[in-house]
Amino acid sequence: MDKKENMQRSLYFVGAGGIGMANLVRYYLRHGSEVGGYDRTPSDLTAALEKEGAQLTFTDNEEEIPVSFRNPEETLVVYTPAVPEENRILSWFRDNGFEVVKRAALLGKITRHTRAICIAGSHGKTTTCSMTANILRESKQGCTAFLGGILRNTGSNLVLDEKSPYTVIEADEYDRSFHHLSPQIAVVTSTDPDHLDIYGDEAHYLEAFSIFTSLIREGGVLITHTGLAYHPDVKSGVKIETYSGGEEGDWHAENVRYATGKIIFDLVGPDIRIDGIEPGVPVEINIDNAVAAAAAAIHAGAGPEEVKEGLRSFKGARRRFEIYLDGTERENGPVLIDDYAHSPNEVKASIASVKKLYPGKKLSVVFQPHLYTRTRDFAAEFAEALSGADQVIMPEIYPARELPIEGITSQIILDNVKSKEKIFCERKDLLNLIKNCNFEILMTLGAADIDRLLPEIKEILSKEQ
């Protein structure tokens, strides 16, 4: 698909309000295409898309599809696997001869016509992807980037640079979506088992990452974290390099030092050393992410000073260790942090980072489990990870696309949490609970919709208790 073909048709996005779909909506709007779409629920993101020109509906009724998207010769229909098969709008397009493709297939076409930097992993990919994009967008190379979160530097999940040959893409393993991509540079951050509702078991999950690496173009490069369980399978001529936030790997951090609210380290890579890197979001896990992002950006032609500045100015992606209150609003004020961590290792790392940043303070965590299957498969691991907090508050499972599974509730995690204080609280009662507690640090965790309560939580905590 060349650029002319790509931009001549109108597009209709089913599931337009998803974070991964919204960047494509923006991309085609910015290129002058007529764009419409459906999503189940209005949100701040869908409101922004409508303001930018997208024609959206929130009613699953084919009669709501505008006339301009009813010609199968003119309209390409794009959907996300999160949309149920019985969706009426999606069914109407399929029944009436439209070309209907997954979001991942459309991204795949874009990668085949650019120098694609594709960042995969069960966790860390959104932050690493956003860091890479921030380095390149401030460098002489530039980039277009399709991000899985809102880059706080720009207020968008799309970075657009018409002149740059580089495209930075978050390579999502859900539903094997990343198998549509064609990377020039690939990063694998982690392979902790996830999405077993799709893959069935860990072996097939790891196999999916091997298949992803086999898609790297000849002459490309794979940058993979040390110690991962999968086996890279690359074409001849593809260079494999390893990285870590410790002192292992071809790319690694040395001389890590912690100052008040800061992390500083020196980056060592093949034939390069950059001293005094200071990530703009100073949490421990971001050392790993920064090393990977720097390696990818350097392979794309970014210079040492551009790497330092891109990481220093990085403000983070929304919902990735986002600090709403830093405790300085008043004397002994509370800290409020939100993080998208939704796998056991992510939860464990996030809690450990807070403990390191705020030693001696009581950490209270609100964790909303996401998906019945993920809760069923990793209940023991979640319980162990959450036990690092001083207090755990847990509402009911957020089902997203799933139907309930008998016997699978939040309680199967909570029962095994070892924290001294643990509370089950229905989501509808969370704000009242928070009003009646005094928190030193309150952290909201998970991939569910807990973030929609954050404005009210911040308002409650900002008031004198």
Protein backbone atom coordinates (compact mmCIF):
# COMPACT_ATOMS: atom_id res chain seq x y z
CA MET A 1 0.00 0.00 0.00
CA ASP A 2 1.72 3.18 -1.12
CA LYS A 3 0.98 6.54 0.40
CA LYS A 4 -1.41 7.58 -2.38
CA GLU A 5 -3.50 4.43 -2.02
CA ASN A 6 -3.32 4.71 1.74
CA MET A 7 -4.75 8.22 1.87
CA GLN A 8 -7.43 8.21 -0.88
CA ARG A 9 -10.06 6.18 0.91
CA SER A 10 -12.29 6.95 3.85
CA LEU A 11 -11.93 4.82 6.97
CA TYR A 12 -14.35 3.63 9.63
CA PHE A 13 -12.89 2.43 12.95
CA VAL A 14 -14.92 -0.01 15.06
CA GLY A 15 -13.55 0.50 18.59
CA ALA A 16 -12.24 3.96 17.71
CA GLY A 17 -11.82 5.06 21.33
CA GLY A 18 -9.23 2.41 22.20
CA ILE A 19 -5.79 3.86 22.82
CA GLY A 20 -4.24 1.81 20.02
CA MET A 21 -6.98 2.70 17.53
CA ALA A 22 -7.02 6.40 18.33
CA ASN A 23 -3.51 6.99 17.00
CA LEU A 24 -4.55 5.55 13.61
CA VAL A 25 -7.68 7.71 13.65
CA ARG A 26 -5.45 10.74 14.20
CA TYR A 27 -2.95 9.62 11.56
CA TYR A 28 -5.55 9.41 8.82
CA LEU A 29 -7.32 12.60 9.90
CA ARG A 30 -4.00 14.44 9.70
CA HIS A 31 -3.53 13.10 6.18
CA GLY A 32 -6.91 14.44 5.06
CA SER A 33 -8.93 11.21 5.00
CA GLU A 34 -12.56 11.18 6.04
CA VAL A 35 -12.70 9.20 9.29
CA GLY A 36 -15.65 7.82 11.24
CA GLY A 37 -16.07 5.25 13.94
CA TYR A 38 -17.94 3.58 16.76
CA ASP A 39 -17.05 3.07 20.40
CA ARG A 40 -19.07 1.75 23.29
CA THR A 41 -18.45 4.64 25.68
CA PRO A 42 -17.62 8.34 25.27
CA SER A 43 -14.37 9.42 26.95
CA ASP A 44 -11.92 12.31 27.05
CA LEU A 45 -10.07 10.61 24.20
CA THR A 46 -13.13 10.23 21.98
CA ALA A 47 -14.04 13.86 22.68
CA ALA A 48 -10.56 14.88 21.49
CA LEU A 49 -10.94 12.76 18.34
CA GLU A 50 -14.30 14.35 17.56
CA LYS A 51 -12.76 17.79 18.00
CA GLU A 52 -10.05 16.78 15.52
CA GLY A 53 -12.67 15.81 12.95
CA ALA A 54 -13.66 12.18 13.55
CA GLN A 55 -17.36 11.34 13.12
CA LEU A 56 -18.10 9.03 16.04
CA THR A 57 -21.17 7.24 17.35
CA PHE A 58 -21.65 5.45 20.67
CA THR A 59 -24.71 3.42 19.72
CA ASP A 60 -24.23 -0.09 18.31
CA ASN A 61 -26.74 0.46 15.56
CA GLU A 62 -25.89 0.22 11.87
CA GLU A 63 -28.37 3.02 11.14
CA GLU A 64 -25.94 5.37 12.93
CA ILE A 65 -23.28 4.88 10.23
CA PRO A 66 -23.08 8.12 8.20
CA VAL A 67 -23.89 7.98 4.48
CA SER A 68 -20.31 8.88 3.55
CA PHE A 69 -19.08 5.54 4.98
CA ARG A 70 -21.69 3.30 3.32
CA ASN A 71 -19.89 2.70 0.01
CA PRO A 72 -17.71 -0.44 0.06
CA GLU A 73 -15.65 0.92 -2.86
CA GLU A 74 -14.60 3.95 -0.84
CA THR A 75 -14.40 2.89 2.82
CA LEU A 76 -11.91 0.66 4.59
CA VAL A 77 -13.20 -0.74 7.89
CA VAL A 78 -10.73 -1.25 10.73
CA TYR A 79 -11.54 -3.07 13.95
CA THR A 80 -9.87 -4.12 17.16
CA PRO A 81 -10.15 -7.69 18.56
CA ALA A 82 -11.60 -6.19 21.74
CA VAL A 83 -14.87 -5.59 19.83
CA PRO A 84 -17.27 -8.55 20.21
CA GLU A 85 -18.00 -10.53 17.06
CA GLU A 86 -21.74 -9.92 17.50
CA ASN A 87 -21.28 -6.13 17.27
CA ARG A 88 -24.04 -4.94 14.93
CA ILE A 89 -22.02 -2.24 13.19
CA LEU A 90 -19.10 -4.57 12.49
CA SER A 91 -21.52 -7.27 11.26
CA TRP A 92 -23.22 -4.80 8.90
CA PHE A 93 -19.93 -3.92 7.23
CA ARG A 94 -19.01 -7.60 6.84
CA ASP A 95 -22.42 -8.49 5.44
CA ASN A 96 -22.30 -5.69 2.87
CA GLY A 97 -19.04 -6.41 1.08
CA PHE A 98 -16.67 -4.00 2.80
CA GLU A 99 -12.97 -4.70 3.21
CA VAL A 100 -12.61 -5.29 6.96
CA VAL A 101 -9.14 -5.52 8.51
CA LYS A 102 -7.70 -5.69 12.00
CA ARG A 103 -5.92 -2.64 13.36
CA ALA A 104 -2.71 -4.69 13.41
CA ALA A 105 -2.93 -5.39 9.67
CA LEU A 106 -3.18 -1.68 8.91
CA LEU A 107 -0.17 -0.95 11.11
CA GLY A 108 1.66 -3.79 9.37
CA LYS A 109 1.17 -2.11 6.00
CA ILE A 110 2.61 1.11 7.40
CA THR A 111 5.69 -0.71 8.75
CA ARG A 112 6.42 -2.27 5.35
CA HIS A 113 6.85 1.18 3.82
CA THR A 114 8.93 2.80 6.56
CA ARG A 115 11.96 2.01 8.68
CA ALA A 116 9.96 0.57 11.54
CA ILE A 117 11.15 0.43 15.13
CA CYS A 118 8.80 -2.08 16.79
CA ILE A 119 8.86 -2.49 20.56
CA ALA A 120 7.32 -5.63 22.06
CA GLY A 121 7.05 -7.14 25.52
CA SER A 122 4.58 -8.20 28.17
CA HIS A 123 5.45 -5.05 30.11
CA GLY A 124 7.59 -1.97 29.57
CA LYS A 125 6.73 -1.55 25.90
CA THR A 126 4.57 1.59 26.18
CA THR A 127 7.18 3.49 28.20
CA THR A 128 10.09 2.25 26.07
CA CYS A 129 8.18 3.10 22.89
CA SER A 130 7.34 6.58 24.21
CA MET A 131 10.94 7.20 25.29
CA THR A 132 12.24 6.14 21.88
CA ALA A 133 9.74 8.44 20.16
CA ASN A 134 10.66 11.36 22.42
CA ILE A 135 14.38 10.95 21.68
CA LEU A 136 13.83 10.74 17.93
CA ARG A 137 11.25 13.53 17.67
CA GLU A 138 13.77 15.89 19.28
CA SER A 139 16.64 14.60 17.14
CA LYS A 140 17.71 15.35 13.59
CA GLN A 141 16.17 12.00 12.51
CA GLY A 142 12.59 12.69 13.63
CA CYS A 143 9.91 9.97 13.60
CA THR A 144 6.27 9.13 13.26
CA ALA A 145 5.09 7.13 16.28
CA PHE A 146 1.99 5.09 17.09
CA LEU A 147 1.98 4.86 20.88
CA GLY A 148 -0.04 2.73 23.30
CA GLY A 149 -0.37 5.64 25.70
CA ILE A 150 -0.67 9.41 25.64
CA LEU A 151 2.82 10.95 25.53
CA ARG A 152 2.60 13.72 28.11
CA ASN A 153 5.19 15.79 26.21
CA THR A 154 2.76 16.19 23.30
CA GLY A 155 -0.66 15.34 24.77
CA SER A 156 -1.19 12.75 22.03
CA ASN A 157 -0.59 9.08 21.24
CA LEU A 158 0.54 10.03 17.73
CA VAL A 159 3.80 11.70 16.76
CA LEU A 160 3.79 12.73 13.09
CA ASP A 161 6.82 13.73 11.02
CA GLU A 162 6.22 13.58 7.26
CA LYS A 163 9.94 13.92 6.46
CA SER A 164 11.28 11.14 8.69
CA PRO A 165 11.65 7.59 7.34
CA TYR A 166 11.33 6.15 10.87
CA THR A 167 8.13 4.84 12.41
CA VAL A 168 8.03 3.85 16.10
CA ILE A 169 5.32 1.29 16.86
CA GLU A 170 4.18 -0.47 20.01
CA ALA A 171 4.10 -4.15 19.01
CA ASP A 172 1.15 -5.68 20.87
CA GLU A 173 1.24 -9.43 21.43
CA TYR A 174 -2.49 -9.69 22.23
CA ASP A 175 -4.26 -11.77 19.57
CA ARG A 176 -0.83 -12.19 17.87
CA SER A 177 -1.19 -8.65 16.52
CA PHE A 178 2.57 -8.10 16.31
CA HIS A 179 2.87 -10.85 13.70
CA HIS A 180 1.60 -8.35 11.11
CA LEU A 181 4.63 -6.07 11.54
CA SER A 182 7.84 -5.75 9.54
CA PRO A 183 10.51 -4.26 11.85
CA GLN A 184 13.85 -2.80 10.85
CA ILE A 185 14.74 -2.49 14.52
CA ALA A 186 12.93 -4.61 17.12
CA VAL A 187 13.06 -4.45 20.91
CA VAL A 188 11.78 -7.19 23.24
CA THR A 189 11.50 -5.89 26.81
CA SER A 190 9.99 -8.90 28.59
CA THR A 191 8.21 -12.19 28.00
CA ASP A 192 6.35 -12.88 31.25
CA PRO A 193 3.37 -15.09 30.32
CA ASP A 194 0.16 -13.16 29.67
CA HIS A 195 -2.97 -13.45 27.51
CA LEU A 196 -3.20 -17.17 28.15
CA ASP A 197 -6.84 -16.93 27.06
CA ILE A 198 -5.35 -16.48 23.57
CA TYR A 199 -2.18 -18.59 23.76
CA GLY A 200 -3.26 -21.42 26.03
CA ASP A 201 0.09 -21.90 27.77
CA GLU A 202 3.51 -20.30 28.30
CA ALA A 203 5.18 -22.31 25.52
CA HIS A 204 2.87 -20.92 22.83
CA TYR A 205 3.20 -17.41 24.30
CA LEU A 206 7.00 -17.58 24.04
CA GLU A 207 6.74 -19.04 20.55
CA ALA A 208 4.84 -15.91 19.50
CA PHE A 209 7.85 -13.76 20.40
CA SER A 210 10.13 -16.03 18.37
CA ILE A 211 7.82 -15.57 15.39
CA PHE A 212 7.89 -11.79 15.94
CA THR A 213 11.70 -11.75 15.80
CA SER A 214 11.64 -13.78 12.57
CA LEU A 215 9.87 -10.83 10.91
CA ILE A 216 12.83 -8.47 11.37
CA ARG A 217 14.12 -7.48 7.93
CA GLU A 218 17.50 -8.63 6.67
CA GLY A 219 20.20 -6.27 7.89
CA GLY A 220 18.04 -5.23 10.83
CA VAL A 221 18.72 -5.48 14.54
CA LEU A 222 17.07 -7.14 17.54
CA ILE A 223 17.63 -5.56 20.96
CA THR A 224 16.45 -8.03 23.58
CA HIS A 225 16.53 -7.91 27.37
CA THR A 226 18.95 -10.28 29.03
CA GLY A 227 17.62 -13.47 30.61
CA LEU A 228 14.36 -13.84 28.69
CA ALA A 229 12.90 -17.32 28.22
CA TYR A 230 12.07 -17.17 24.51
CA HIS A 231 14.45 -18.12 21.68
CA PRO A 232 14.98 -15.42 19.04
CA ASP A 233 14.58 -16.67 15.48
CA VAL A 234 16.08 -14.14 13.08
CA LYS A 235 16.95 -13.99 9.41
CA SER A 236 20.55 -14.16 8.30
CA GLY A 237 22.25 -10.78 8.66
CA VAL A 238 20.07 -9.63 11.57
CA LYS A 239 22.24 -8.51 14.48
CA ILE A 240 21.17 -9.58 18.00
CA GLU A 241 22.16 -7.33 20.90
CA THR A 242 21.22 -7.66 24.57
CA TYR A 243 20.47 -5.00 27.16
CA SER A 244 19.66 -4.51 30.84
CA GLY A 245 19.37 -1.83 33.49
CA GLY A 246 22.10 -3.60 35.44
CA GLU A 247 25.65 -4.23 34.36
CA GLU A 248 24.86 -7.07 31.94
CA GLY A 249 24.28 -7.00 28.21
CA ASP A 250 25.74 -5.30 25.16
CA TRP A 251 23.83 -2.20 26.25
CA HIS A 252 23.69 -1.56 30.00
CA ALA A 253 23.72 0.98 32.81
CA GLU A 254 26.72 1.65 35.01
CA ASN A 255 27.31 3.86 38.02
CA VAL A 256 23.62 4.22 38.90
CA ARG A 257 23.12 6.85 41.57
CA TYR A 258 20.01 8.05 43.36
CA ALA A 259 19.62 11.68 44.41
CA THR A 260 16.55 13.36 45.87
CA GLY A 261 13.87 12.68 43.27
CA LYS A 262 16.48 11.81 40.62
CA ILE A 263 18.15 8.80 39.04
CA ILE A 264 21.40 9.27 37.12
CA PHE A 265 23.37 6.59 35.27
CA ASP A 266 25.98 6.08 32.58
CA LEU A 267 25.03 4.20 29.42
CA VAL A 268 27.48 1.71 27.95
CA GLY A 269 26.93 0.20 24.51
CA PRO A 270 28.95 -1.34 21.71
CA ASP A 271 31.52 1.34 20.81
CA ILE A 272 29.74 4.08 22.78
CA ARG A 273 29.49 5.49 26.29
CA ILE A 274 27.16 8.29 27.40
CA ASP A 275 27.72 9.60 30.93
CA GLY A 276 25.19 11.36 33.13
CA ILE A 277 21.86 10.22 31.70
CA GLU A 278 18.96 11.43 33.85
CA PRO A 279 15.54 10.01 32.91
CA GLY A 280 12.75 12.55 33.28
CA VAL A 281 10.58 10.00 35.10
CA PRO A 282 12.92 8.79 37.87
CA VAL A 283 11.67 5.33 38.76
CA GLU A 284 13.89 2.29 38.92
CA ILE A 285 12.26 0.30 36.10
CA ASN A 286 12.90 3.23 33.76
CA ILE A 287 16.61 2.49 33.83
CA ASP A 288 15.88 -0.66 31.81
CA ASN A 289 13.45 1.20 29.57
CA ALA A 290 15.86 4.08 28.99
CA VAL A 291 18.70 1.73 28.03
CA ALA A 292 16.50 -0.01 25.46
CA ALA A 293 15.13 3.26 24.07
CA ALA A 294 18.62 4.75 23.81
CA ALA A 295 19.91 1.67 21.98
CA ALA A 296 17.03 1.75 19.47
CA ALA A 297 17.38 5.50 18.90
CA ILE A 298 21.16 5.25 18.41
CA HIS A 299 20.63 2.52 15.81
CA ALA A 300 18.25 4.97 14.08
CA GLY A 301 20.96 7.62 14.00
CA ALA A 302 20.40 9.70 17.14
CA GLY A 303 23.54 11.21 18.64
CA PRO A 304 24.71 11.03 22.30
CA GLU A 305 23.50 14.52 23.24
CA GLU A 306 20.16 13.93 21.53
CA VAL A 307 19.74 10.74 23.57
CA LYS A 308 20.54 12.56 26.82
CA GLU A 309 18.15 15.41 26.06
CA GLY A 310 15.34 13.14 24.82
CA LEU A 311 15.46 11.09 28.02
CA ARG A 312 15.87 14.11 30.30
CA SER A 313 12.86 15.90 28.79
CA PHE A 314 10.68 12.77 28.78
CA LYS A 315 7.58 13.42 30.90
CA GLY A 316 6.21 9.91 30.66
CA ALA A 317 3.15 8.32 29.16
CA ARG A 318 -0.18 8.81 30.89
CA ARG A 319 -1.03 6.03 33.33
CA ARG A 320 2.63 4.93 33.45
CA PHE A 321 3.79 5.88 36.93
CA GLU A 322 1.95 9.19 36.66
CA ILE A 323 2.28 11.34 39.78
CA TYR A 324 -0.90 13.31 40.52
CA LEU A 325 0.20 14.61 43.93
CA ASP A 326 3.85 14.62 44.97
CA GLY A 327 3.31 15.40 48.66
CA THR A 328 4.52 19.00 48.45
CA GLU A 329 1.10 20.62 48.02
CA ARG A 330 0.99 21.12 51.78
CA GLU A 331 3.05 20.10 54.80
CA ASN A 332 3.06 16.29 55.09
CA GLY A 333 0.68 16.14 52.13
CA PRO A 334 -0.27 12.80 50.58
CA VAL A 335 1.30 11.33 47.45
CA LEU A 336 -1.02 10.06 44.69
CA ILE A 337 0.40 7.90 41.88
CA ASP A 338 -1.35 6.00 39.09
CA ASP A 339 0.25 3.15 37.16
CA TYR A 340 -1.09 0.84 34.45
CA ALA A 341 0.77 -2.17 35.93
CA HIS A 342 -1.45 -5.20 35.29
CA SER A 343 0.88 -8.21 35.37
CA PRO A 344 2.43 -9.59 38.58
CA ASN A 345 5.96 -8.52 37.69
CA GLU A 346 4.80 -5.02 36.75
CA VAL A 347 2.89 -4.70 40.03
CA LYS A 348 5.90 -5.91 42.00
CA ALA A 349 8.27 -3.52 40.22
CA SER A 350 5.91 -0.57 40.61
CA ILE A 351 5.49 -1.12 44.35
CA ALA A 352 9.25 -1.56 44.77
CA SER A 353 9.90 1.72 42.92
CA VAL A 354 7.54 3.65 45.21
CA LYS A 355 9.15 2.15 48.29
CA LYS A 356 12.55 3.24 47.02
CA LEU A 357 11.39 6.76 46.17
CA TYR A 358 9.56 7.31 49.47
CA PRO A 359 11.37 5.24 52.13
CA GLY A 360 9.60 4.94 55.47
CA LYS A 361 6.18 6.07 54.22
CA LYS A 362 3.09 3.88 54.33
CA LEU A 363 2.08 2.68 50.87
CA SER A 364 -1.60 1.98 50.21
CA VAL A 365 -2.50 0.36 46.88
CA VAL A 366 -5.85 0.17 45.14
CA PHE A 367 -5.59 -2.67 42.63
CA GLN A 368 -8.47 -3.47 40.31
CA PRO A 369 -7.92 -6.86 38.63
CA HIS A 370 -8.36 -6.78 34.85
CA LEU A 371 -10.01 -9.81 33.23
CA TYR A 372 -11.33 -13.02 34.78
CA THR A 373 -8.85 -15.17 32.86
CA ARG A 374 -5.82 -13.15 33.98
CA THR A 375 -7.05 -13.30 37.59
CA ARG A 376 -7.60 -17.06 37.32
CA ASP A 377 -4.19 -17.72 35.77
CA PHE A 378 -2.07 -15.49 38.02
CA ALA A 379 -3.94 -15.09 41.31
CA ALA A 380 -1.06 -16.42 43.44
CA GLU A 381 1.51 -14.27 41.64
CA PHE A 382 -0.64 -11.13 42.03
CA ALA A 383 -1.07 -11.84 45.75
CA GLU A 384 2.67 -12.16 46.21
CA ALA A 385 3.37 -8.96 44.27
CA LEU A 386 0.74 -6.93 46.13
CA SER A 387 2.08 -8.12 49.49
CA GLY A 388 4.91 -5.59 49.06
CA ALA A 389 2.41 -2.82 49.90
CA ASP A 390 1.48 -1.89 53.45
CA GLN A 391 -2.23 -1.75 52.65
CA VAL A 392 -4.17 -3.31 49.77
CA ILE A 393 -7.64 -2.19 48.72
CA MET A 394 -9.27 -4.28 46.02
CA PRO A 395 -12.55 -3.81 44.15
CA GLU A 396 -14.28 -6.39 41.96
CA ILE A 397 -12.74 -7.64 38.71
CA TYR A 398 -13.04 -5.41 35.66
CA PRO A 399 -14.36 -7.81 32.98
CA ALA A 400 -13.57 -5.79 29.82
CA ARG A 401 -14.36 -8.16 26.94
CA GLU A 402 -14.99 -11.26 29.11
CA LEU A 403 -17.95 -12.98 30.71
CA PRO A 404 -17.68 -14.05 34.38
CA ILE A 405 -15.99 -17.34 35.27
CA GLU A 406 -17.54 -19.25 38.15
CA GLY A 407 -15.48 -18.98 41.33
CA ILE A 408 -13.11 -16.32 39.97
CA THR A 409 -13.34 -13.10 41.99
CA SER A 410 -10.97 -10.52 43.47
CA GLN A 411 -11.17 -12.43 46.71
CA ILE A 412 -8.98 -15.28 45.42
CA ILE A 413 -6.15 -12.76 45.19
CA LEU A 414 -6.99 -10.83 48.34
CA ASP A 415 -7.19 -13.94 50.53
CA ASN A 416 -3.50 -14.63 49.87
CA VAL A 417 -2.15 -11.09 50.20
CA LYS A 418 0.19 -10.94 53.20
CA SER A 419 -0.03 -7.19 53.87
CA LYS A 420 -1.12 -6.28 57.40
CA GLU A 421 -4.11 -4.34 56.09
CA LYS A 422 -6.27 -5.59 53.24
CA ILE A 423 -9.80 -4.55 52.30
CA PHE A 424 -12.33 -5.56 49.67
CA CYS A 425 -14.31 -2.53 48.53
CA GLU A 426 -16.73 -2.39 45.62
CA ARG A 427 -15.71 0.16 43.04
CA LYS A 428 -18.86 2.20 43.63
CA ASP A 429 -17.84 2.65 47.29
CA LEU A 430 -14.16 3.50 46.71
CA LEU A 431 -14.52 7.28 46.90
CA ASN A 432 -16.36 7.08 50.22
CA LEU A 433 -13.67 4.80 51.60
CA ILE A 434 -10.94 7.20 50.49
CA LYS A 435 -12.75 10.14 52.09
CA ASN A 436 -12.63 8.37 55.44
CA CYS A 437 -8.93 7.38 55.40
CA ASN A 438 -5.66 9.21 55.85
CA PHE A 439 -3.06 8.19 53.30
CA GLU A 440 0.64 8.89 53.13
CA ILE A 441 0.97 7.34 49.66
CA LEU A 442 -2.01 6.12 47.66
CA MET A 443 -1.29 4.26 44.44
CA THR A 444 -3.90 3.10 41.93
CA LEU A 445 -2.79 0.11 39.86
CA GLY A 446 -4.18 -1.90 36.95
CA ALA A 447 -5.38 -1.84 33.35
CA ALA A 448 -9.04 -1.40 34.28
CA ASP A 449 -10.96 1.89 34.43
CA ILE A 450 -9.80 2.95 37.89
CA ASP A 451 -8.13 5.98 36.28
CA ARG A 452 -11.56 7.53 35.65
CA LEU A 453 -11.85 8.12 39.40
CA LEU A 454 -8.51 9.90 39.67
CA PRO A 455 -9.78 13.50 39.33
CA GLU A 456 -12.16 12.91 42.25
CA ILE A 457 -9.52 11.02 44.26
CA LYS A 458 -7.07 13.87 43.74
CA GLU A 459 -9.68 16.38 44.87
CA ILE A 460 -10.40 14.38 48.04
CA LEU A 461 -6.73 13.99 48.93
CA SER A 462 -5.97 17.65 48.17
CA LYS A 463 -8.31 18.75 50.94
CA GLU A 464 -7.11 18.95 54.53
CA GLN A 465 -8.11 15.77 56.33
